[in-house]
C-alpha atoms as a PDB file:
ATOM      1  CA  MET A   1     119.639  34.807  84.227  1.00  0.00           C
ATOM      2  CA  LYS A   2     116.590  34.084  85.451  1.00  0.00           C
ATOM      3  CA  ASN A   3     117.304  35.426  88.570  1.00  0.00           C
ATOM      4  CA  HIS A   4     118.239  38.668  86.954  1.00  0.00           C
ATOM      5  CA  ILE A   5     115.128  39.113  84.627  1.00  0.00           C
ATOM      6  CA  CYS A   6     113.153  38.393  87.922  1.00  0.00           C
ATOM      7  CA  SER A   7     114.793  41.366  90.014  1.00  0.00           C
ATOM      8  CA  ILE A   8     114.164  43.470  86.511  1.00  0.00           C
ATOM      9  CA  GLY A   9     110.450  42.557  86.492  1.00  0.00           C
ATOM     10  CA  PHE A  10     110.344  43.342  90.467  1.00  0.00           C
ATOM     11  CA  ALA A  11     111.972  46.595  90.005  1.00  0.00           C
ATOM     12  CA  LEU A  12     109.665  47.677  87.384  1.00  0.00           C
ATOM     13  CA  LEU A  13     106.415  46.299  89.564  1.00  0.00           C
ATOM     14  CA  ILE A  14     107.454  48.899  92.247  1.00  0.00           C
ATOM     15  CA  PHE A  15     108.331  51.365  90.259  1.00  0.00           C
ATOM     16  CA  LEU A  16     105.023  51.367  88.470  1.00  0.00           C
ATOM     17  CA  LEU A  17     103.337  50.870  92.162  1.00  0.00           C
ATOM     18  CA  LEU A  18     105.127  53.897  93.192  1.00  0.00           C
ATOM     19  CA  MET A  19     104.179  56.166  90.281  1.00  0.00           C
ATOM     20  CA  LYS A  20     100.408  54.944  90.919  1.00  0.00           C
ATOM     21  CA  TRP A  21     100.728  56.066  94.275  1.00  0.00           C
ATOM     22  CA  SER A  22     102.291  59.362  93.704  1.00  0.00           C
ATOM     23  CA  GLY A  23      99.692  60.092  90.978  1.00  0.00           C
ATOM     24  CA  THR A  24      96.993  59.307  93.548  1.00  0.00           C
ATOM     25  CA  ALA A  25      98.460  61.182  96.297  1.00  0.00           C
ATOM     26  CA  GLU A  26      98.887  64.318  93.980  1.00  0.00           C
ATOM     27  CA  ALA A  27      95.028  64.113  92.882  1.00  0.00           C
ATOM     28  CA  GLN A  28      94.038  63.831  96.784  1.00  0.00           C
ATOM     29  CA  THR A  29      95.967  67.224  97.370  1.00  0.00           C
ATOM     30  CA  CYS A  30      92.195  68.511  96.487  1.00  0.00           C
ATOM     31  CA  LYS A  31      89.050  66.281  96.049  1.00  0.00           C
ATOM     32  CA  PRO A  32      85.667  66.933  94.661  1.00  0.00           C
ATOM     33  CA  SER A  33      83.298  68.136  97.259  1.00  0.00           C
ATOM     34  CA  GLY A  34      80.076  66.510  95.724  1.00  0.00           C
ATOM     35  CA  LYS A  35      78.029  66.541  92.348  1.00  0.00           C
ATOM     36  CA  ILE A  36      75.043  68.770  91.028  1.00  0.00           C
ATOM     37  CA  ASN A  37      72.636  67.988  88.612  1.00  0.00           C
ATOM     38  CA  GLY A  38      71.830  70.438  85.690  1.00  0.00           C
ATOM     39  CA  LYS A  39      67.938  71.711  85.572  1.00  0.00           C
ATOM     40  CA  LYS A  40      66.205  72.865  82.725  1.00  0.00           C
ATOM     41  CA  THR A  41      67.252  76.349  81.654  1.00  0.00           C
ATOM     42  CA  PRO A  42      64.448  78.672  81.176  1.00  0.00           C
ATOM     43  CA  PRO A  43      64.639  79.858  77.631  1.00  0.00           C
ATOM     44  CA  GLY A  44      66.721  82.651  77.123  1.00  0.00           C
ATOM     45  CA  GLN A  45      68.377  82.874  80.482  1.00  0.00           C
ATOM     46  CA  CYS A  46      71.681  81.014  79.915  1.00  0.00           C
ATOM     47  CA  ASN A  47      73.892  83.795  78.903  1.00  0.00           C
ATOM     48  CA  ASN A  48      76.463  81.915  76.553  1.00  0.00           C
ATOM     49  CA  GLU A  49      78.666  85.476  75.552  1.00  0.00           C
ATOM     50  CA  ASN A  50      82.070  84.334  75.336  1.00  0.00           C
ATOM     51  CA  ASN A  51      80.909  81.069  74.327  1.00  0.00           C
ATOM     52  CA  ALA A  52      80.282  80.270  77.629  1.00  0.00           C
ATOM     53  CA  ASP A  53      78.671  76.811  78.552  1.00  0.00           C
ATOM     54  CA  CYS A  54      74.927  76.074  79.145  1.00  0.00           C
ATOM     55  CA  CYS A  55      73.765  73.222  81.935  1.00  0.00           C
ATOM     56  CA  VAL A  56      72.465  70.315  80.223  1.00  0.00           C
ATOM     57  CA  HIS A  57      69.485  69.090  82.131  1.00  0.00           C
ATOM     58  CA  GLY A  58      70.084  65.840  84.099  1.00  0.00           C
ATOM     59  CA  LYS A  59      73.911  66.296  83.449  1.00  0.00           C
ATOM     60  CA  SER A  60      76.171  65.579  86.388  1.00  0.00           C
ATOM     61  CA  TYR A  61      78.753  68.646  87.291  1.00  0.00           C
ATOM     62  CA  THR A  62      81.675  68.085  89.814  1.00  0.00           C
ATOM     63  CA  THR A  63      81.698  70.443  92.750  1.00  0.00           C
ATOM     64  CA  TYR A  64      84.994  71.478  94.602  1.00  0.00           C
ATOM     65  CA  LYS A  65      85.608  73.508  97.801  1.00  0.00           C
ATOM     66  CA  CYS A  66      89.207  73.337  97.650  1.00  0.00           C
ATOM     67  CA  SER A  67      92.056  74.378  94.653  1.00  0.00           C
ATOM     68  CA  PRO A  68      95.242  73.304  93.955  1.00  0.00           C
ATOM     69  CA  PRO A  69      97.929  74.931  96.377  1.00  0.00           C
ATOM     70  CA  VAL A  70      99.417  78.438  95.788  1.00  0.00           C
ATOM     71  CA  SER A  71     102.876  78.796  94.892  1.00  0.00           C
ATOM     72  CA  SER A  72     104.763  81.434  93.274  1.00  0.00           C
ATOM     73  CA  HIS A  73     104.197  79.809  89.897  1.00  0.00           C
ATOM     74  CA  THR A  74     100.955  78.806  90.480  1.00  0.00           C
ATOM     75  CA  LYS A  75      99.547  76.745  87.112  1.00  0.00           C
ATOM     76  CA  ALA A  76      95.637  77.581  85.878  1.00  0.00           C
ATOM     77  CA  LYS A  77      93.363  77.566  83.134  1.00  0.00           C
ATOM     78  CA  LEU A  78      92.621  81.191  81.811  1.00  0.00           C
ATOM     79  CA  THR A  79      89.253  81.537  80.785  1.00  0.00           C
ATOM     80  CA  ILE A  80      87.279  84.525  79.651  1.00  0.00           C
ATOM     81  CA  ASN A  81      84.088  86.273  81.713  1.00  0.00           C
ATOM     82  CA  SER A  82      82.489  89.607  81.007  1.00  0.00           C
ATOM     83  CA  PHE A  83      82.254  91.392  84.193  1.00  0.00           C
ATOM     84  CA  GLU A  84      79.870  94.171  82.640  1.00  0.00           C
ATOM     85  CA  LYS A  85      76.280  94.330  83.218  1.00  0.00           C
ATOM     86  CA  GLY A  86      74.029  91.843  81.142  1.00  0.00           C
ATOM     87  CA  GLY A  87      77.186  89.626  80.490  1.00  0.00           C
ATOM     88  CA  ASP A  88      77.790  86.204  81.292  1.00  0.00           C
ATOM     89  CA  GLY A  89      79.324  86.616  84.619  1.00  0.00           C
ATOM     90  CA  GLY A  90      75.729  87.112  86.198  1.00  0.00           C
ATOM     91  CA  GLY A  91      75.120  89.534  88.695  1.00  0.00           C
ATOM     92  CA  PRO A  92      77.714  92.298  90.122  1.00  0.00           C
ATOM     93  CA  SER A  93      81.286  91.356  91.476  1.00  0.00           C
ATOM     94  CA  GLU A  94      81.406  89.478  94.791  1.00  0.00           C
ATOM     95  CA  CYS A  95      84.059  91.568  96.207  1.00  0.00           C
ATOM     96  CA  ASP A  96      82.518  95.046  95.554  1.00  0.00           C
ATOM     97  CA  ASN A  97      78.988  94.258  94.442  1.00  0.00           C
ATOM     98  CA  LYS A  98      80.165  96.480  91.214  1.00  0.00           C
ATOM     99  CA  TYR A  99      80.212  95.380  87.577  1.00  0.00           C
ATOM    100  CA  HIS A 100      83.526  96.094  85.873  1.00  0.00           C
ATOM    101  CA  SER A 101      84.236  97.495  82.415  1.00  0.00           C
ATOM    102  CA  ASN A 102      85.521  94.775  80.377  1.00  0.00           C
ATOM    103  CA  ASN A 103      88.886  97.024  79.211  1.00  0.00           C
ATOM    104  CA  THR A 104      89.715  97.216  82.909  1.00  0.00           C
ATOM    105  CA  PRO A 105      91.929  94.048  83.702  1.00  0.00           C
ATOM    106  CA  VAL A 106      90.274  92.002  86.592  1.00  0.00           C
ATOM    107  CA  VAL A 107      89.636  88.383  87.504  1.00  0.00           C
ATOM    108  CA  ALA A 108      87.091  85.830  88.934  1.00  0.00           C
ATOM    109  CA  LEU A 109      89.236  82.721  90.936  1.00  0.00           C
ATOM    110  CA  SER A 110      88.305  79.422  91.816  1.00  0.00           C
ATOM    111  CA  THR A 111      86.253  78.803  95.077  1.00  0.00           C
ATOM    112  CA  GLY A 112      89.784  77.799  96.621  1.00  0.00           C
ATOM    113  CA  TRP A 113      91.661  80.174  95.457  1.00  0.00           C
ATOM    114  CA  PHE A 114      89.364  82.987  96.108  1.00  0.00           C
ATOM    115  CA  ASN A 115      89.458  81.876  99.550  1.00  0.00           C
ATOM    116  CA  ASN A 116      86.402  83.382 101.452  1.00  0.00           C
ATOM    117  CA  LYS A 117      86.775  86.530  99.804  1.00  0.00           C
ATOM    118  CA  LYS A 118      90.428  86.943 101.441  1.00  0.00           C
ATOM    119  CA  ARG A 119      91.906  87.849  97.698  1.00  0.00           C
ATOM    120  CA  CYS A 120      88.972  90.589  97.041  1.00  0.00           C
ATOM    121  CA  LEU A 121      90.942  93.355  95.590  1.00  0.00           C
ATOM    122  CA  ASN A 122      94.309  92.047  95.582  1.00  0.00           C
ATOM    123  CA  TYR A 123      96.200  92.002  92.442  1.00  0.00           C
ATOM    124  CA  ILE A 124      97.744  88.871  90.834  1.00  0.00           C
ATOM    125  CA  THR A 125      99.975  88.865  87.772  1.00  0.00           C
ATOM    126  CA  ILE A 126      99.357  86.253  85.002  1.00  0.00           C
ATOM    127  CA  HIS A 127     102.111  85.144  83.001  1.00  0.00           C
ATOM    128  CA  ALA A 128     101.542  83.417  79.650  1.00  0.00           C
ATOM    129  CA  ASN A 129     102.316  83.851  75.683  1.00  0.00           C
ATOM    130  CA  GLY A 130     105.991  85.384  76.726  1.00  0.00           C
ATOM    131  CA  ARG A 131     103.972  88.444  78.776  1.00  0.00           C
ATOM    132  CA  SER A 132     102.267  88.944  82.201  1.00  0.00           C
ATOM    133  CA  VAL A 133      99.726  91.341  83.456  1.00  0.00           C
ATOM    134  CA  LYS A 134      98.545  92.977  86.891  1.00  0.00           C
ATOM    135  CA  ALA A 135      95.044  91.988  87.205  1.00  0.00           C
ATOM    136  CA  LYS A 136      92.793  92.952  90.170  1.00  0.00           C
ATOM    137  CA  VAL A 137      90.642  90.331  91.645  1.00  0.00           C
ATOM    138  CA  VAL A 138      86.791  91.135  92.056  1.00  0.00           C
ATOM    139  CA  ASP A 139      84.992  87.869  91.939  1.00  0.00           C
ATOM    140  CA  GLU A 140      84.538  83.915  92.623  1.00  0.00           C
ATOM    141  CA  CYS A 141      84.089  81.797  89.995  1.00  0.00           C
ATOM    142  CA  ASP A 142      82.037  79.615  91.665  1.00  0.00           C
ATOM    143  CA  SER A 143      83.293  76.018  92.118  1.00  0.00           C
ATOM    144  CA  THR A 144      80.557  74.736  94.586  1.00  0.00           C
ATOM    145  CA  THR A 145      77.221  75.093  92.608  1.00  0.00           C
ATOM    146  CA  GLY A 146      76.223  76.383  89.690  1.00  0.00           C
ATOM    147  CA  CYS A 147      73.037  75.829  86.984  1.00  0.00           C
ATOM    148  CA  ASP A 148      70.947  78.530  88.602  1.00  0.00           C
ATOM    149  CA  ALA A 149      69.684  82.180  87.934  1.00  0.00           C
ATOM    150  CA  GLU A 150      72.648  83.492  90.204  1.00  0.00           C
ATOM    151  CA  HIS A 151      75.292  81.636  87.726  1.00  0.00           C
ATOM    152  CA  ALA A 152      73.628  82.553  84.764  1.00  0.00           C
ATOM    153  CA  TYR A 153      72.586  79.072  84.299  1.00  0.00           C
ATOM    154  CA  GLN A 154      76.125  77.958  84.036  1.00  0.00           C
ATOM    155  CA  PRO A 155      78.064  74.944  85.303  1.00  0.00           C
ATOM    156  CA  PRO A 156      80.020  75.065  88.509  1.00  0.00           C
ATOM    157  CA  CYS A 157      83.483  76.339  87.943  1.00  0.00           C
ATOM    158  CA  PRO A 158      86.497  73.803  87.900  1.00  0.00           C
ATOM    159  CA  ASN A 159      88.776  74.234  90.736  1.00  0.00           C
ATOM    160  CA  ASN A 160      91.592  75.758  89.242  1.00  0.00           C
ATOM    161  CA  ILE A 161      90.448  78.767  86.478  1.00  0.00           C
ATOM    162  CA  VAL A 162      91.330  82.342  86.467  1.00  0.00           C
ATOM    163  CA  ASP A 163      88.430  83.919  84.849  1.00  0.00           C
ATOM    164  CA  GLY A 164      89.670  86.988  83.272  1.00  0.00           C
ATOM    165  CA  SER A 165      87.644  90.094  81.267  1.00  0.00           C
ATOM    166  CA  LYS A 166      88.788  90.898  77.655  1.00  0.00           C
ATOM    167  CA  ALA A 167      91.462  93.266  78.973  1.00  0.00           C
ATOM    168  CA  VAL A 168      93.418  90.388  80.494  1.00  0.00           C
ATOM    169  CA  TRP A 169      93.441  88.586  77.231  1.00  0.00           C
ATOM    170  CA  LYS A 170      94.766  91.766  74.912  1.00  0.00           C
ATOM    171  CA  ALA A 171      97.349  92.642  77.551  1.00  0.00           C
ATOM    172  CA  LEU A 172      98.660  88.737  77.141  1.00  0.00           C
ATOM    173  CA  GLY A 173      98.566  89.319  73.449  1.00  0.00           C
ATOM    174  CA  VAL A 174      96.427  86.698  72.655  1.00  0.00           C
ATOM    175  CA  PRO A 175      94.463  86.769  69.046  1.00  0.00           C
ATOM    176  CA  GLU A 176      90.879  87.358  69.775  1.00  0.00           C
ATOM    177  CA  SER A 177      90.429  84.386  67.563  1.00  0.00           C
ATOM    178  CA  ASP A 178      92.179  82.277  70.253  1.00  0.00           C
ATOM    179  CA  TRP A 179      90.363  83.448  73.097  1.00  0.00           C
ATOM    180  CA  GLY A 180      88.387  80.640  75.291  1.00  0.00           C
ATOM    181  CA  GLU A 181      90.885  79.028  77.201  1.00  0.00           C
ATOM    182  CA  LEU A 182      94.885  79.139  77.680  1.00  0.00           C
ATOM    183  CA  ASP A 183      97.227  77.456  79.999  1.00  0.00           C
ATOM    184  CA  ILE A 184      98.793  80.048  82.527  1.00  0.00           C
ATOM    185  CA  TYR A 185     100.382  80.520  85.718  1.00  0.00           C
ATOM    186  CA  TRP A 186      99.736  83.091  88.402  1.00  0.00           C
ATOM    187  CA  SER A 187     101.624  84.713  91.332  1.00  0.00           C
ATOM    188  CA  GLU A 188     100.323  87.161  94.347  1.00  0.00           C
ATOM    189  CA  THR A 189     101.987  90.232  94.815  1.00  0.00           C
ATOM    190  CA  CYS A 190     102.558  91.157  98.658  1.00  0.00           C
ATOM    191  CA  LYS A 191     101.566  95.145  99.065  1.00  0.00           C
ATOM    192  CA  PRO A 192     102.116  97.059 102.447  1.00  0.00           C
ATOM    193  CA  SER A 193      98.972  97.028 104.653  1.00  0.00           C
ATOM    194  CA  GLY A 194     100.135 100.488 106.342  1.00  0.00           C
ATOM    195  CA  LYS A 195     102.115 102.437 108.642  1.00  0.00           C
ATOM    196  CA  ILE A 196     103.059 103.063 111.875  1.00  0.00           C
ATOM    197  CA  ASN A 197     105.012 105.966 113.842  1.00  0.00           C
ATOM    198  CA  GLY A 198     107.886 104.992 116.151  1.00  0.00           C
ATOM    199  CA  LYS A 199     107.042 106.454 120.212  1.00  0.00           C
ATOM    200  CA  LYS A 200     109.335 107.319 122.531  1.00  0.00           C
ATOM    201  CA  THR A 201     110.838 104.188 123.930  1.00  0.00           C
ATOM    202  CA  PRO A 202     111.118 104.318 127.772  1.00  0.00           C
ATOM    203  CA  PRO A 203     115.232 104.151 128.876  1.00  0.00           C
ATOM    204  CA  GLY A 204     116.600 100.667 129.158  1.00  0.00           C
ATOM    205  CA  GLN A 205     113.158  98.889 127.479  1.00  0.00           C
ATOM    206  CA  CYS A 206     114.638  98.314 123.794  1.00  0.00           C
ATOM    207  CA  ASN A 207     116.724  95.219 124.194  1.00  0.00           C
ATOM    208  CA  ASN A 208     119.496  95.420 121.205  1.00  0.00           C
ATOM    209  CA  GLU A 209     120.825  92.465 121.699  1.00  0.00           C
ATOM    210  CA  ASN A 210     122.078  90.786 118.428  1.00  0.00           C
ATOM    211  CA  ASN A 211     122.301  94.468 117.042  1.00  0.00           C
ATOM    212  CA  ALA A 212     118.467  94.593 116.998  1.00  0.00           C
ATOM    213  CA  ASP A 213     117.123  97.707 115.942  1.00  0.00           C
ATOM    214  CA  CYS A 214     114.956 100.061 118.312  1.00  0.00           C
ATOM    215  CA  CYS A 215     112.320 102.485 117.195  1.00  0.00           C
ATOM    216  CA  VAL A 216     112.843 105.791 116.689  1.00  0.00           C
ATOM    217  CA  HIS A 217     110.190 108.322 117.640  1.00  0.00           C
ATOM    218  CA  GLY A 218     108.463 109.325 114.846  1.00  0.00           C
ATOM    219  CA  LYS A 219     109.907 107.518 112.314  1.00  0.00           C
ATOM    220  CA  SER A 220     107.609 106.037 110.104  1.00  0.00           C
ATOM    221  CA  TYR A 221     107.807 102.149 109.593  1.00  0.00           C
ATOM    222  CA  THR A 222     105.628  99.975 106.740  1.00  0.00           C
ATOM    223  CA  THR A 223     103.344  97.104 108.092  1.00  0.00           C
ATOM    224  CA  TYR A 224     102.460  93.945 106.101  1.00  0.00           C
ATOM    225  CA  LYS A 225      99.890  91.538 106.694  1.00  0.00           C
ATOM    226  CA  CYS A 226     101.043  88.905 103.830  1.00  0.00           C
ATOM    227  CA  SER A 227     104.487  87.303 102.658  1.00  0.00           C
ATOM    228  CA  PRO A 228     105.938  86.647  99.436  1.00  0.00           C
ATOM    229  CA  PRO A 229     104.478  83.297  97.886  1.00  0.00           C
ATOM    230  CA  VAL A 230     105.579  80.009  99.462  1.00  0.00           C
ATOM    231  CA  SER A 231     107.489  77.458  97.124  1.00  0.00           C
ATOM    232  CA  SER A 232     110.091  74.533  97.283  1.00  0.00           C
ATOM    233  CA  HIS A 233     112.739  77.395  96.840  1.00  0.00           C
ATOM    234  CA  THR A 234     111.201  80.354  99.115  1.00  0.00           C
ATOM    235  CA  LYS A 235     113.818  83.012  99.013  1.00  0.00           C
ATOM    236  CA  ALA A 236     113.947  84.976 102.372  1.00  0.00           C
ATOM    237  CA  LYS A 237     116.497  87.132 104.805  1.00  0.00           C
ATOM    238  CA  LEU A 238     117.941  85.062 107.581  1.00  0.00           C
ATOM    239  CA  THR A 239     118.097  87.661 111.043  1.00  0.00           C
ATOM    240  CA  ILE A 240     118.980  86.624 114.382  1.00  0.00           C
ATOM    241  CA  ASN A 241     117.234  86.489 117.302  1.00  0.00           C
ATOM    242  CA  SER A 242     117.570  85.207 120.962  1.00  0.00           C
ATOM    243  CA  PHE A 243     114.532  82.683 122.567  1.00  0.00           C
ATOM    244  CA  GLU A 244     115.714  82.839 125.782  1.00  0.00           C
ATOM    245  CA  LYS A 245     114.130  84.371 128.562  1.00  0.00           C
ATOM    246  CA  GLY A 246     115.206  88.205 128.726  1.00  0.00           C
ATOM    247  CA  GLY A 247     116.519  88.074 124.955  1.00  0.00           C
ATOM    248  CA  ASP A 248     115.178  90.632 122.061  1.00  0.00           C
ATOM    249  CA  GLY A 249     112.564  88.475 121.129  1.00  0.00           C
ATOM    250  CA  GLY A 250     110.384  90.204 123.724  1.00  0.00           C
ATOM    251  CA  GLY A 251     108.188  87.197 125.464  1.00  0.00           C
ATOM    252  CA  PRO A 252     107.830  83.827 125.388  1.00  0.00           C
ATOM    253  CA  SER A 253     107.142  82.157 121.798  1.00  0.00           C
ATOM    254  CA  GLU A 254     103.604  82.291 120.478  1.00  0.00           C
ATOM    255  CA  CYS A 255     103.368  78.890 119.321  1.00  0.00           C
ATOM    256  CA  ASP A 256     103.980  77.086 122.864  1.00  0.00           C
ATOM    257  CA  ASN A 257     104.434  80.193 125.168  1.00  0.00           C
ATOM    258  CA  LYS A 258     107.550  78.543 125.945  1.00  0.00           C
ATOM    259  CA  TYR A 259     111.289  80.305 125.986  1.00  0.00           C
ATOM    260  CA  HIS A 260     113.679  78.132 123.710  1.00  0.00           C
ATOM    261  CA  SER A 261     117.533  77.960 124.211  1.00  0.00           C
ATOM    262  CA  ASN A 262     119.889  79.659 121.810  1.00  0.00           C
ATOM    263  CA  ASN A 263     121.415  76.389 121.384  1.00  0.00           C
ATOM    264  CA  THR A 264     117.906  74.447 119.733  1.00  0.00           C
ATOM    265  CA  PRO A 265     117.535  75.468 116.063  1.00  0.00           C
ATOM    266  CA  VAL A 266     114.328  77.427 116.255  1.00  0.00           C
ATOM    267  CA  VAL A 267     112.783  80.317 113.714  1.00  0.00           C
ATOM    268  CA  ALA A 268     110.306  82.813 114.069  1.00  0.00           C
ATOM    269  CA  LEU A 269     108.738  83.433 110.292  1.00  0.00           C
ATOM    270  CA  SER A 270     107.080  87.009 109.309  1.00  0.00           C
ATOM    271  CA  THR A 271     103.417  87.237 109.922  1.00  0.00           C
ATOM    272  CA  GLY A 272     102.399  86.046 106.528  1.00  0.00           C
ATOM    273  CA  TRP A 273     104.072  82.710 106.388  1.00  0.00           C
ATOM    274  CA  PHE A 274     103.657  82.125 109.890  1.00  0.00           C
ATOM    275  CA  ASN A 275      99.994  82.191 108.754  1.00  0.00           C
ATOM    276  CA  ASN A 276      97.826  82.250 112.017  1.00  0.00           C
ATOM    277  CA  LYS A 277     100.054  80.039 113.544  1.00  0.00           C
ATOM    278  CA  LYS A 278      99.057  77.226 110.706  1.00  0.00           C
ATOM    279  CA  ARG A 279     103.187  76.520 110.915  1.00  0.00           C
ATOM    280  CA  CYS A 280     103.274  76.361 114.841  1.00  0.00           C
ATOM    281  CA  LEU A 281     105.898  73.540 115.786  1.00  0.00           C
ATOM    282  CA  ASN A 282     106.271  72.433 112.108  1.00  0.00           C
ATOM    283  CA  TYR A 283     110.080  72.279 110.790  1.00  0.00           C
ATOM    284  CA  ILE A 284     111.442  74.199 108.009  1.00  0.00           C
ATOM    285  CA  THR A 285     114.240  73.641 105.822  1.00  0.00           C
ATOM    286  CA  ILE A 286     116.864  76.618 105.677  1.00  0.00           C
ATOM    287  CA  HIS A 287     119.627  76.409 102.847  1.00  0.00           C
ATOM    288  CA  ALA A 288     122.376  78.901 102.903  1.00  0.00           C
ATOM    289  CA  ASN A 289     126.388  79.174 102.494  1.00  0.00           C
ATOM    290  CA  GLY A 290     126.180  75.649 100.819  1.00  0.00           C
ATOM    291  CA  ARG A 291     124.737  73.781 103.671  1.00  0.00           C
ATOM    292  CA  SER A 292     121.134  72.989 104.946  1.00  0.00           C
ATOM    293  CA  VAL A 293     119.828  72.939 108.842  1.00  0.00           C
ATOM    294  CA  LYS A 294     115.996  71.882 109.994  1.00  0.00           C
ATOM    295  CA  ALA A 295     114.514  74.186 112.100  1.00  0.00           C
ATOM    296  CA  LYS A 296     111.205  74.286 114.217  1.00  0.00           C
ATOM    297  CA  VAL A 297     108.795  77.291 114.192  1.00  0.00           C
ATOM    298  CA  VAL A 298     107.854  78.696 117.402  1.00  0.00           C
ATOM    299  CA  ASP A 299     107.058  82.464 116.954  1.00  0.00           C
ATOM    300  CA  GLU A 300     105.824  84.989 114.501  1.00  0.00           C
ATOM    301  CA  CYS A 301     107.894  87.775 113.606  1.00  0.00           C
ATOM    302  CA  ASP A 302     105.224  90.333 113.806  1.00  0.00           C
ATOM    303  CA  SER A 303     105.022  92.065 110.709  1.00  0.00           C
ATOM    304  CA  THR A 304     101.893  94.088 111.541  1.00  0.00           C
ATOM    305  CA  THR A 305     103.051  95.833 114.114  1.00  0.00           C
ATOM    306  CA  GLY A 306     105.764  96.956 116.777  1.00  0.00           C
ATOM    307  CA  CYS A 307     107.288  99.671 118.750  1.00  0.00           C
ATOM    308  CA  ASP A 308     105.575  98.915 122.104  1.00  0.00           C
ATOM    309  CA  ALA A 309     106.574  96.402 125.135  1.00  0.00           C
ATOM    310  CA  GLU A 310     105.253  93.298 123.500  1.00  0.00           C
ATOM    311  CA  HIS A 311     107.868  93.805 120.617  1.00  0.00           C
ATOM    312  CA  ALA A 312     110.586  94.904 122.709  1.00  0.00           C
ATOM    313  CA  TYR A 313     110.502  98.493 121.549  1.00  0.00           C
ATOM    314  CA  GLN A 314     111.516  96.721 117.935  1.00  0.00           C
ATOM    315  CA  PRO A 315     110.144  98.172 114.343  1.00  0.00           C
ATOM    316  CA  PRO A 316     107.763  96.017 112.525  1.00  0.00           C
ATOM    317  CA  CYS A 317     109.289  92.838 111.038  1.00  0.00           C
ATOM    318  CA  PRO A 318     109.707  93.174 107.183  1.00  0.00           C
ATOM    319  CA  ASN A 319     107.563  90.767 105.208  1.00  0.00           C
ATOM    320  CA  ASN A 320     110.382  88.461 104.293  1.00  0.00           C
ATOM    321  CA  ILE A 321     112.027  87.257 107.346  1.00  0.00           C
ATOM    322  CA  VAL A 322     113.256  83.877 108.861  1.00  0.00           C
ATOM    323  CA  ASP A 323     114.586  84.926 112.465  1.00  0.00           C
ATOM    324  CA  GLY A 324     116.804  82.232 113.438  1.00  0.00           C
ATOM    325  CA  SER A 325     118.590  81.009 116.989  1.00  0.00           C
ATOM    326  CA  LYS A 326     122.078  81.200 117.233  1.00  0.00           C
ATOM    327  CA  ALA A 327     122.117  77.292 116.515  1.00  0.00           C
ATOM    328  CA  VAL A 328     120.515  77.810 113.103  1.00  0.00           C
ATOM    329  CA  TRP A 329     123.490  80.239 112.145  1.00  0.00           C
ATOM    330  CA  LYS A 330     126.097  77.721 113.574  1.00  0.00           C
ATOM    331  CA  ALA A 331     124.318  74.584 111.455  1.00  0.00           C
ATOM    332  CA  LEU A 332     125.109  76.822 108.378  1.00  0.00           C
ATOM    333  CA  GLY A 333     128.661  77.399 109.380  1.00  0.00           C
ATOM    334  CA  VAL A 334     128.469  81.272 109.057  1.00  0.00           C
ATOM    335  CA  PRO A 335     131.302  82.658 111.145  1.00  0.00           C
ATOM    336  CA  GLU A 336     130.202  84.497 114.028  1.00  0.00           C
ATOM    337  CA  SER A 337     131.678  87.881 112.867  1.00  0.00           C
ATOM    338  CA  ASP A 338     129.077  87.862 109.639  1.00  0.00           C
ATOM    339  CA  TRP A 339     125.813  86.892 112.092  1.00  0.00           C
ATOM    340  CA  GLY A 340     122.987  89.432 111.109  1.00  0.00           C
ATOM    341  CA  GLU A 341     121.516  89.211 108.011  1.00  0.00           C
ATOM    342  CA  LEU A 342     121.779  86.820 104.915  1.00  0.00           C
ATOM    343  CA  ASP A 343     119.869  85.919 102.013  1.00  0.00           C
ATOM    344  CA  ILE A 344     118.612  82.260 102.368  1.00  0.00           C
ATOM    345  CA  TYR A 345     116.165  80.261 100.848  1.00  0.00           C
ATOM    346  CA  TRP A 346     113.757  77.557 103.264  1.00  0.00           C
ATOM    347  CA  SER A 347     110.973  75.077 102.395  1.00  0.00           C
ATOM    348  CA  ASP A 348     108.281  73.385 104.503  1.00  0.00           C
ATOM    349  CA  VAL A 349     109.531  69.429 105.686  1.00  0.00           C
END
């Protein structure tokens, strides 16, 4: 009996330690970058429209250079801001150096999510209160500093803020008496970046192994610089590609400048997911047909251009592609007669 009690106690201790470690690990995904002290605000210089906080002299404020990871369901706090001249938003918006009407659905994002202007003038969809609204990103809610004239003598922004205009709050159907702070989640849309026209392919230069498409002269093809948001269950289309020399994949793989055997589970990802080589030589897990396979990312499936020798005279890649070797298809148990395109989901390992 004593041994049984000891075992239970030991298991409980391990569980508590794991919970503590798990919580710490999660908290460490985005650590504070420092602190600033509130300065004495000149009389009348802090604009507290929309009940905005004003810096308190001598009070310590935490700063951040990062935000929580972005997914297809990113949790955040919605706050309210005036983007009009003279409003509590301070100066003109950082993305376009303009002011914006409170009747237009626009937002500012915390520094990490603003991502050095990379989301400037893109749209995000905000979900709350059983409704959703599409809003344009026009400004940064600065998490790195504050308490000065440029920031209307307000504290640094927390790292999980979507600061919305009145139009955003109205579209979500929130009573005006409740405007201020609201738990939301947001997602970003991926719009086409442009189009290219197919060129005349030199005879024999388009490699259509695996039934790959060849560019059609004069046909318009859509291009993308982005892909849908990555989550733990990212939907995609699996296509088939040869990573061997002379195959329909074109030149050597971008990650390591090598060719790879079709018997090795390797993949190329659409440009947005390839993410400037940040997933290079990492593994992803692909799920389909009741099975899963771990595959190494070795190349980009270029969504930004195509129809040239470098891309084997094939069109730009759609923005939601996992282009897998034959080994990937075999591991998923798909009959060879069905190889070509398959709905899957994938996750980072």
